[in-house]
Amino acid sequence: MRKTKHNARTINLWKIDPHCNWCGKLTVLTRKKMSNQATLDHIKQTNPWIPGLLVRYKAPTVLACYQCNSARGRRGL
C-alpha cells in the first residue's frame, strides 16, 4: 500500500471494513479529495460517561466517505 496522508486510525478502520458507516459506499485511501475518500468521522455522544463508550478520553470515530463526512459537518451532527 502506498503511503498516504491518512493516520493509523483511519487505515486500521479501513482494513476492518472499507465501507462508509453512513451510506455503505466503498471507500478508498487516496490523496485526492474524492467523494468516496476514506475519512474519520467523530461521533458526538449525548452522554460521554457511559462505561465502554469513551476509551481513554478519545472521541469515538467511524470511517466515513468524504461526501457524508462533509455533509454531516455542515449540518452540525
Protein backbone atom coordinates (compact mmCIF):
# COMPACT_ATOMS: atom_id res chain seq x y z
CA MET A 1 0.00 0.00 0.00
CA ARG A 2 1.30 3.45 -0.88
CA LYS A 3 1.92 5.98 1.85
CA THR A 4 -0.99 8.41 2.20
CA LYS A 5 -1.82 11.34 4.43
CA HIS A 6 -4.19 9.20 6.48
CA ASN A 7 -3.36 8.46 10.07
CA ALA A 8 -3.08 4.99 11.57
CA ARG A 9 -6.63 5.04 12.97
CA THR A 10 -8.12 5.66 9.51
CA ILE A 11 -6.04 2.87 7.99
CA ASN A 12 -6.95 0.42 10.77
CA LEU A 13 -10.68 1.17 10.44
CA TRP A 14 -10.41 0.86 6.66
CA LYS A 15 -8.74 -2.56 6.97
CA ILE A 16 -11.56 -3.79 9.23
CA ASP A 17 -14.35 -2.56 6.94
CA PRO A 18 -13.69 -0.26 3.96
CA HIS A 19 -17.34 0.86 3.70
CA CYS A 20 -18.77 4.20 4.83
CA ASN A 21 -20.56 3.93 8.17
CA TRP A 22 -23.43 6.19 6.99
CA CYS A 23 -24.17 5.31 3.34
CA GLY A 24 -22.36 1.97 2.90
CA LYS A 25 -20.33 3.16 -0.11
CA LEU A 26 -16.94 1.51 -0.64
CA THR A 27 -14.21 4.00 0.35
CA VAL A 28 -10.66 4.33 -0.94
CA LEU A 29 -7.44 5.56 0.66
CA THR A 30 -6.28 8.33 -1.65
CA ARG A 31 -4.62 11.74 -1.51
CA LYS A 32 -7.21 13.36 -3.79
CA LYS A 33 -10.44 14.83 -2.47
CA MET A 34 -12.90 12.33 -3.91
CA SER A 35 -16.48 11.69 -2.86
CA ASN A 36 -15.53 8.17 -1.73
CA GLN A 37 -12.25 9.10 0.01
CA ALA A 38 -11.92 7.43 3.42
CA THR A 39 -12.11 9.94 6.29
CA LEU A 40 -12.57 9.78 10.05
CA ASP A 41 -15.90 10.99 11.38
CA HIS A 42 -16.05 11.89 15.07
CA ILE A 43 -19.32 10.97 16.75
CA LYS A 44 -20.74 13.30 19.35
CA GLN A 45 -22.07 11.40 22.33
CA THR A 46 -25.12 12.52 24.27
CA ASN A 47 -23.71 11.06 27.49
CA PRO A 48 -19.93 10.54 27.28
CA TRP A 49 -19.67 8.81 30.66
CA ILE A 50 -21.47 5.59 29.74
CA PRO A 51 -18.97 2.79 30.51
CA GLY A 52 -17.43 1.29 27.39
CA LEU A 53 -18.23 4.19 25.05
CA LEU A 54 -15.42 6.54 25.94
CA VAL A 55 -11.97 5.00 25.76
CA ARG A 56 -9.24 6.98 27.49
CA TYR A 57 -10.54 10.44 26.51
CA LYS A 58 -10.66 9.64 22.81
CA ALA A 59 -13.75 10.66 20.91
CA PRO A 60 -15.36 7.68 19.17
CA THR A 61 -14.67 7.64 15.46
CA VAL A 62 -16.06 5.79 12.46
CA LEU A 63 -14.97 5.51 8.86
CA ALA A 64 -16.99 7.76 6.54
CA CYS A 65 -16.74 8.77 2.92
CA TYR A 66 -15.73 12.37 2.25
CA GLN A 67 -19.21 13.21 0.94
CA CYS A 68 -21.04 12.00 4.09
CA ASN A 69 -18.46 13.48 6.45
CA SER A 70 -18.64 16.94 4.91
CA ALA A 71 -22.46 16.84 4.76
CA ARG A 72 -22.65 15.89 8.44
CA GLY A 73 -20.17 18.66 9.29
CA ARG A 74 -22.32 21.28 7.56
CA ARG A 75 -25.43 20.09 9.43
CA GLY A 76 -23.61 20.09 12.77
CA LEU A 77 -24.35 16.46 13.65
